[in-house]
């Protein structure tokens, strides 16, 4: 057979084609992994901080719950819970000190009268300026 000796002029030799699909797959996988890890981190932080105990929120709730009926007990409670917010600013500190000054007459005695209007106003002013 002489077919082997026939020169092939119209068929070009094979050329190498660059294949990038593997690099694309790796890049997409890395980006997806980074996005997944970022979302997992954010979800973890959200869940962890959602259930975290916040003493400031609790004390603010307790201050709002005070009805100013039992003057002696309420004076002690206001002094205790209000101290949490005393160092927020200079304005808070002055308001707290003024409030404690008004509350002193309701502490350390066996029998006390109801809160006067001035003390109630100072208490409402102090609670109104608290931000949590």
N, C-alpha and C. Protein backbone atom coordinates (compact mmCIF):
# COMPACT_ATOMS: atom_id res chain seq x y z
N UNK A 1 0.82 -1.17 0.00
CA UNK A 1 0.00 0.00 0.00
C UNK A 1 0.87 1.24 0.00
N UNK A 2 0.56 2.06 -0.81
CA UNK A 2 1.33 3.27 -0.95
C UNK A 2 0.63 4.46 -0.32
N UNK A 3 -0.38 4.27 0.43
CA UNK A 3 -1.14 5.36 1.02
C UNK A 3 -0.33 6.12 2.07
N UNK A 4 0.65 5.49 2.63
CA UNK A 4 1.45 6.13 3.66
C UNK A 4 2.35 7.20 3.08
N UNK A 5 2.67 7.09 1.87
CA UNK A 5 3.61 8.03 1.28
C UNK A 5 2.93 9.25 0.68
N UNK A 6 1.61 9.32 0.73
CA UNK A 6 0.90 10.43 0.11
C UNK A 6 1.00 11.63 1.06
N UNK A 7 1.54 12.75 0.63
CA UNK A 7 1.63 13.93 1.49
C UNK A 7 0.24 14.58 1.65
N UNK A 8 -0.04 15.03 2.87
CA UNK A 8 -1.33 15.65 3.18
C UNK A 8 -1.11 17.16 3.26
N UNK A 9 -1.56 17.88 2.28
CA UNK A 9 -1.33 19.31 2.24
C UNK A 9 -2.49 20.12 2.83
N UNK A 10 -3.73 19.65 2.79
CA UNK A 10 -4.86 20.44 3.26
C UNK A 10 -5.19 20.21 4.73
N UNK A 11 -4.59 19.30 5.43
CA UNK A 11 -4.89 19.06 6.85
C UNK A 11 -3.77 19.70 7.67
N UNK A 12 -4.18 20.56 8.56
CA UNK A 12 -3.21 21.27 9.40
C UNK A 12 -2.92 20.43 10.65
N UNK A 13 -1.77 20.62 11.22
CA UNK A 13 -1.44 19.84 12.41
C UNK A 13 -2.27 20.31 13.62
N UNK A 14 -2.36 19.47 14.59
CA UNK A 14 -3.10 19.79 15.82
C UNK A 14 -2.42 20.94 16.57
N UNK A 15 -3.25 21.86 17.10
CA UNK A 15 -2.69 22.94 17.90
C UNK A 15 -3.20 22.81 19.33
N UNK A 16 -2.44 23.34 20.24
CA UNK A 16 -2.82 23.24 21.65
C UNK A 16 -3.75 24.41 22.01
N UNK A 17 -4.87 24.09 22.64
CA UNK A 17 -5.85 25.10 23.06
C UNK A 17 -5.73 25.27 24.58
N UNK A 18 -5.62 26.50 25.02
CA UNK A 18 -5.52 26.77 26.46
C UNK A 18 -6.88 26.51 27.11
N UNK A 19 -6.88 25.76 28.19
CA UNK A 19 -8.11 25.41 28.90
C UNK A 19 -8.10 26.11 30.26
N UNK A 20 -9.07 27.01 30.48
CA UNK A 20 -9.13 27.78 31.73
C UNK A 20 -10.28 27.37 32.63
N UNK A 21 -11.05 26.39 32.27
CA UNK A 21 -12.24 26.04 33.04
C UNK A 21 -11.88 25.59 34.46
N UNK A 22 -10.76 24.93 34.65
CA UNK A 22 -10.38 24.51 35.99
C UNK A 22 -10.07 25.72 36.88
N UNK A 23 -9.41 26.73 36.30
CA UNK A 23 -9.14 27.94 37.07
C UNK A 23 -10.42 28.68 37.43
N UNK A 24 -11.37 28.71 36.49
CA UNK A 24 -12.66 29.34 36.77
C UNK A 24 -13.38 28.60 37.89
N UNK A 25 -13.36 27.29 37.88
CA UNK A 25 -14.01 26.50 38.92
C UNK A 25 -13.37 26.76 40.28
N UNK A 26 -12.06 26.81 40.32
CA UNK A 26 -11.36 27.08 41.59
C UNK A 26 -11.68 28.48 42.09
N UNK A 27 -11.69 29.47 41.21
CA UNK A 27 -11.98 30.85 41.62
C UNK A 27 -13.41 30.98 42.14
N UNK A 28 -14.36 30.39 41.47
CA UNK A 28 -15.76 30.44 41.91
C UNK A 28 -15.92 29.72 43.25
N UNK A 29 -15.22 28.60 43.41
CA UNK A 29 -15.30 27.86 44.67
C UNK A 29 -14.72 28.67 45.83
N UNK A 30 -13.61 29.36 45.60
CA UNK A 30 -12.99 30.18 46.65
C UNK A 30 -13.91 31.34 47.02
N UNK A 31 -14.48 32.01 46.04
CA UNK A 31 -15.40 33.13 46.32
C UNK A 31 -16.62 32.64 47.08
N UNK A 32 -17.18 31.50 46.67
CA UNK A 32 -18.35 30.94 47.37
C UNK A 32 -18.00 30.56 48.81
N UNK A 33 -16.82 30.00 49.01
CA UNK A 33 -16.39 29.63 50.36
C UNK A 33 -16.22 30.86 51.24
N UNK A 34 -15.61 31.90 50.69
CA UNK A 34 -15.43 33.14 51.47
C UNK A 34 -16.78 33.74 51.82
N UNK A 35 -17.71 33.79 50.88
CA UNK A 35 -19.05 34.31 51.17
C UNK A 35 -19.76 33.47 52.22
N UNK A 36 -19.65 32.17 52.12
CA UNK A 36 -20.29 31.30 53.11
C UNK A 36 -19.70 31.52 54.50
N UNK A 37 -18.38 31.61 54.59
CA UNK A 37 -17.74 31.83 55.89
C UNK A 37 -18.11 33.19 56.47
N UNK A 38 -18.21 34.22 55.61
CA UNK A 38 -18.61 35.55 56.09
C UNK A 38 -20.04 35.52 56.63
N UNK A 39 -20.94 34.88 55.91
CA UNK A 39 -22.33 34.78 56.38
C UNK A 39 -22.42 33.95 57.66
N UNK A 40 -21.66 32.89 57.76
CA UNK A 40 -21.67 32.07 58.98
C UNK A 40 -21.15 32.88 60.16
N UNK A 41 -20.10 33.67 59.94
CA UNK A 41 -19.55 34.52 61.00
C UNK A 41 -20.57 35.56 61.46
N UNK A 42 -21.24 36.22 60.52
CA UNK A 42 -22.25 37.22 60.88
C UNK A 42 -23.42 36.59 61.62
N UNK A 43 -23.86 35.41 61.17
CA UNK A 43 -24.96 34.73 61.85
C UNK A 43 -24.56 34.32 63.27
N UNK A 44 -23.35 33.84 63.43
CA UNK A 44 -22.86 33.45 64.75
C UNK A 44 -22.82 34.65 65.69
N UNK A 45 -22.29 35.79 65.21
CA UNK A 45 -22.24 36.99 66.04
C UNK A 45 -23.63 37.50 66.38
N UNK A 46 -24.55 37.43 65.44
CA UNK A 46 -25.92 37.88 65.69
C UNK A 46 -26.57 37.03 66.78
N UNK A 47 -26.44 35.73 66.67
CA UNK A 47 -27.04 34.84 67.67
C UNK A 47 -26.37 35.02 69.03
N UNK A 48 -25.04 35.17 69.04
CA UNK A 48 -24.33 35.33 70.31
C UNK A 48 -24.71 36.64 71.01
N UNK A 49 -24.83 37.72 70.24
CA UNK A 49 -25.14 39.02 70.84
C UNK A 49 -26.63 39.18 71.13
N UNK A 50 -27.46 38.42 70.46
CA UNK A 50 -28.90 38.53 70.68
C UNK A 50 -29.26 38.10 72.09
N UNK A 51 -28.64 37.07 72.57
CA UNK A 51 -28.97 36.52 73.88
C UNK A 51 -28.05 37.02 74.99
N UNK A 52 -27.19 37.95 74.68
CA UNK A 52 -26.25 38.47 75.67
C UNK A 52 -27.01 39.32 76.70
N UNK A 53 -26.66 39.14 77.94
CA UNK A 53 -27.29 39.89 79.02
C UNK A 53 -26.74 41.30 79.04
N UNK A 54 -27.63 42.28 79.05
CA UNK A 54 -27.23 43.68 79.06
C UNK A 54 -27.74 44.30 80.36
N UNK A 55 -26.84 44.57 81.28
CA UNK A 55 -27.22 45.10 82.59
C UNK A 55 -27.87 46.47 82.48
N UNK A 56 -27.44 47.26 81.49
CA UNK A 56 -28.00 48.60 81.33
C UNK A 56 -29.47 48.52 80.92
N UNK A 57 -29.80 47.62 80.01
CA UNK A 57 -31.19 47.46 79.60
C UNK A 57 -32.05 46.98 80.77
N UNK A 58 -31.52 46.04 81.52
CA UNK A 58 -32.27 45.51 82.66
C UNK A 58 -32.52 46.59 83.72
N UNK A 59 -31.50 47.39 84.02
CA UNK A 59 -31.67 48.43 85.02
C UNK A 59 -32.62 49.52 84.53
N UNK A 60 -32.58 49.82 83.23
CA UNK A 60 -33.52 50.80 82.69
C UNK A 60 -34.95 50.29 82.79
N UNK A 61 -35.16 49.00 82.50
CA UNK A 61 -36.50 48.42 82.65
C UNK A 61 -36.97 48.52 84.10
N UNK A 62 -36.06 48.23 85.03
CA UNK A 62 -36.42 48.29 86.44
C UNK A 62 -36.70 49.73 86.89
N UNK A 63 -35.98 50.69 86.35
CA UNK A 63 -36.25 52.10 86.68
C UNK A 63 -37.63 52.51 86.15
N UNK A 64 -37.95 52.07 84.95
CA UNK A 64 -39.27 52.39 84.39
C UNK A 64 -40.39 51.70 85.17
N UNK A 65 -40.10 50.57 85.78
CA UNK A 65 -41.11 49.81 86.52
C UNK A 65 -41.39 50.39 87.90
N UNK A 66 -40.55 51.28 88.38
CA UNK A 66 -40.76 51.87 89.71
C UNK A 66 -41.97 52.79 89.66
N UNK A 67 -42.91 52.56 90.56
CA UNK A 67 -44.17 53.31 90.55
C UNK A 67 -44.19 54.46 91.56
N UNK A 68 -43.15 54.59 92.36
CA UNK A 68 -43.04 55.66 93.36
C UNK A 68 -44.16 55.60 94.40
N UNK A 69 -44.55 54.41 94.78
CA UNK A 69 -45.58 54.22 95.81
C UNK A 69 -44.94 54.04 97.19
N UNK A 70 -43.98 53.14 97.29
CA UNK A 70 -43.30 52.87 98.55
C UNK A 70 -42.01 53.69 98.55
N UNK A 71 -42.04 54.84 99.19
CA UNK A 71 -40.97 55.82 99.06
C UNK A 71 -39.62 55.30 99.54
N UNK A 72 -39.58 54.61 100.65
CA UNK A 72 -38.29 54.17 101.19
C UNK A 72 -37.64 53.13 100.28
N UNK A 73 -38.38 52.09 99.92
CA UNK A 73 -37.84 51.04 99.05
C UNK A 73 -37.48 51.62 97.68
N UNK A 74 -38.35 52.46 97.14
CA UNK A 74 -38.10 53.05 95.82
C UNK A 74 -36.88 53.97 95.84
N UNK A 75 -36.65 54.66 96.93
CA UNK A 75 -35.47 55.52 97.02
C UNK A 75 -34.19 54.70 96.94
N UNK A 76 -34.17 53.57 97.63
CA UNK A 76 -33.00 52.69 97.55
C UNK A 76 -32.84 52.10 96.14
N UNK A 77 -33.96 51.68 95.55
CA UNK A 77 -33.91 51.10 94.20
C UNK A 77 -33.43 52.12 93.16
N UNK A 78 -33.95 53.32 93.24
CA UNK A 78 -33.55 54.37 92.29
C UNK A 78 -32.06 54.67 92.43
N UNK A 79 -31.59 54.73 93.66
CA UNK A 79 -30.17 54.99 93.89
C UNK A 79 -29.30 53.87 93.33
N UNK A 80 -29.71 52.63 93.55
CA UNK A 80 -28.94 51.48 93.09
C UNK A 80 -28.94 51.37 91.57
N UNK A 81 -30.13 51.39 90.97
CA UNK A 81 -30.22 51.21 89.51
C UNK A 81 -29.75 52.44 88.75
N UNK A 82 -29.92 53.61 89.31
CA UNK A 82 -29.48 54.83 88.64
C UNK A 82 -27.98 54.97 88.57
N UNK A 83 -27.27 54.34 89.51
CA UNK A 83 -25.81 54.42 89.52
C UNK A 83 -25.21 53.79 88.26
N UNK A 84 -25.94 52.91 87.61
CA UNK A 84 -25.47 52.29 86.37
C UNK A 84 -25.25 53.34 85.29
N UNK A 85 -26.08 54.38 85.28
CA UNK A 85 -26.05 55.37 84.20
C UNK A 85 -25.35 56.67 84.61
N UNK A 86 -24.82 56.71 85.80
CA UNK A 86 -24.22 57.93 86.33
C UNK A 86 -23.03 58.39 85.49
N UNK A 87 -22.21 57.49 85.02
CA UNK A 87 -20.97 57.86 84.32
C UNK A 87 -21.13 57.98 82.81
N UNK A 88 -22.36 58.05 82.31
CA UNK A 88 -22.56 58.20 80.87
C UNK A 88 -22.03 59.54 80.37
N UNK A 89 -22.32 60.60 81.10
CA UNK A 89 -21.81 61.92 80.73
C UNK A 89 -21.82 62.80 81.98
N UNK A 90 -21.28 63.98 81.84
CA UNK A 90 -21.26 64.91 82.97
C UNK A 90 -22.68 65.32 83.34
N UNK A 91 -23.52 65.46 82.32
CA UNK A 91 -24.92 65.84 82.55
C UNK A 91 -25.66 64.75 83.33
N UNK A 92 -25.41 63.49 82.99
CA UNK A 92 -26.03 62.38 83.72
C UNK A 92 -25.55 62.36 85.17
N UNK A 93 -24.27 62.61 85.35
CA UNK A 93 -23.71 62.58 86.70
C UNK A 93 -24.35 63.66 87.58
N UNK A 94 -24.50 64.87 87.03
CA UNK A 94 -25.12 65.95 87.82
C UNK A 94 -26.58 65.63 88.13
N UNK A 95 -27.30 65.09 87.15
CA UNK A 95 -28.71 64.74 87.37
C UNK A 95 -28.83 63.64 88.41
N UNK A 96 -27.94 62.67 88.37
CA UNK A 96 -27.97 61.58 89.34
C UNK A 96 -27.66 62.10 90.74
N UNK A 97 -26.64 62.93 90.85
CA UNK A 97 -26.28 63.47 92.17
C UNK A 97 -27.41 64.31 92.74
N UNK A 98 -28.07 65.10 91.91
CA UNK A 98 -29.21 65.90 92.36
C UNK A 98 -30.35 65.00 92.81
N UNK A 99 -30.60 63.93 92.05
CA UNK A 99 -31.66 62.99 92.41
C UNK A 99 -31.34 62.29 93.73
N UNK A 100 -30.11 61.86 93.91
CA UNK A 100 -29.72 61.19 95.16
C UNK A 100 -29.84 62.15 96.33
N UNK A 101 -29.52 63.40 96.09
CA UNK A 101 -29.67 64.42 97.14
C UNK A 101 -31.13 64.54 97.58
N UNK A 102 -32.04 64.49 96.61
CA UNK A 102 -33.48 64.54 96.95
C UNK A 102 -33.94 63.26 97.64
N UNK A 103 -33.33 62.14 97.29
CA UNK A 103 -33.75 60.85 97.85
C UNK A 103 -33.22 60.61 99.26
N UNK A 104 -32.20 61.34 99.67
CA UNK A 104 -31.60 61.12 100.99
C UNK A 104 -32.63 61.27 102.11
N UNK A 105 -33.60 62.15 101.95
CA UNK A 105 -34.58 62.36 103.02
C UNK A 105 -35.56 61.19 103.14
N UNK A 106 -35.57 60.29 102.14
CA UNK A 106 -36.47 59.14 102.18
C UNK A 106 -35.76 57.86 102.63
N UNK A 107 -34.48 57.94 102.85
CA UNK A 107 -33.71 56.79 103.30
C UNK A 107 -33.39 56.95 104.78
N UNK A 108 -32.91 55.89 105.37
CA UNK A 108 -32.35 55.89 106.72
C UNK A 108 -33.35 56.32 107.81
N UNK A 109 -34.62 56.24 107.51
CA UNK A 109 -35.65 56.53 108.52
C UNK A 109 -36.62 55.37 108.57
N UNK A 110 -37.28 55.25 109.71
CA UNK A 110 -38.24 54.16 109.85
C UNK A 110 -39.50 54.45 109.06
N UNK A 111 -40.06 55.62 109.22
CA UNK A 111 -41.29 56.00 108.51
C UNK A 111 -41.00 57.23 107.65
N UNK A 112 -41.43 57.17 106.39
CA UNK A 112 -41.21 58.29 105.48
C UNK A 112 -42.52 58.63 104.78
N UNK A 113 -42.62 59.87 104.34
CA UNK A 113 -43.80 60.32 103.59
C UNK A 113 -43.66 59.90 102.12
N UNK A 114 -44.68 60.19 101.34
CA UNK A 114 -44.63 59.93 99.90
C UNK A 114 -43.65 60.89 99.26
N UNK A 115 -43.25 60.57 98.04
CA UNK A 115 -42.35 61.45 97.31
C UNK A 115 -43.03 62.79 97.04
N UNK A 116 -42.27 63.87 97.18
CA UNK A 116 -42.82 65.17 96.82
C UNK A 116 -42.68 65.37 95.30
N UNK A 117 -43.33 66.39 94.80
CA UNK A 117 -43.35 66.63 93.35
C UNK A 117 -41.96 66.94 92.79
N UNK A 118 -41.14 67.61 93.56
CA UNK A 118 -39.78 67.94 93.11
C UNK A 118 -38.97 66.67 92.87
N UNK A 119 -39.06 65.72 93.78
CA UNK A 119 -38.33 64.46 93.64
C UNK A 119 -38.85 63.65 92.47
N UNK A 120 -40.16 63.62 92.31
CA UNK A 120 -40.75 62.91 91.17
C UNK A 120 -40.29 63.52 89.85
N UNK A 121 -40.24 64.84 89.81
CA UNK A 121 -39.81 65.53 88.59
C UNK A 121 -38.33 65.23 88.29
N UNK A 122 -37.50 65.23 89.34
CA UNK A 122 -36.08 64.90 89.16
C UNK A 122 -35.90 63.46 88.68
N UNK A 123 -36.70 62.55 89.22
CA UNK A 123 -36.65 61.15 88.80
C UNK A 123 -37.05 61.02 87.33
N UNK A 124 -38.15 61.65 86.94
CA UNK A 124 -38.60 61.59 85.54
C UNK A 124 -37.57 62.21 84.61
N UNK A 125 -36.94 63.31 85.05
CA UNK A 125 -35.91 63.95 84.25
C UNK A 125 -34.71 63.02 84.05
N UNK A 126 -34.27 62.37 85.14
CA UNK A 126 -33.13 61.47 85.04
C UNK A 126 -33.42 60.27 84.15
N UNK A 127 -34.58 59.64 84.33
CA UNK A 127 -34.93 58.47 83.51
C UNK A 127 -35.12 58.88 82.06
N UNK A 128 -35.64 60.07 81.82
CA UNK A 128 -35.87 60.53 80.46
C UNK A 128 -34.59 60.79 79.66
N UNK A 129 -33.52 61.08 80.35
CA UNK A 129 -32.27 61.38 79.63
C UNK A 129 -31.39 60.15 79.40
N UNK A 130 -31.82 58.99 79.87
CA UNK A 130 -31.01 57.77 79.72
C UNK A 130 -31.21 57.19 78.32
N UNK A 131 -30.10 56.86 77.68
CA UNK A 131 -30.11 56.18 76.39
C UNK A 131 -29.41 54.84 76.54
N UNK A 132 -30.06 53.81 76.05
CA UNK A 132 -29.45 52.47 76.09
C UNK A 132 -29.31 51.97 74.67
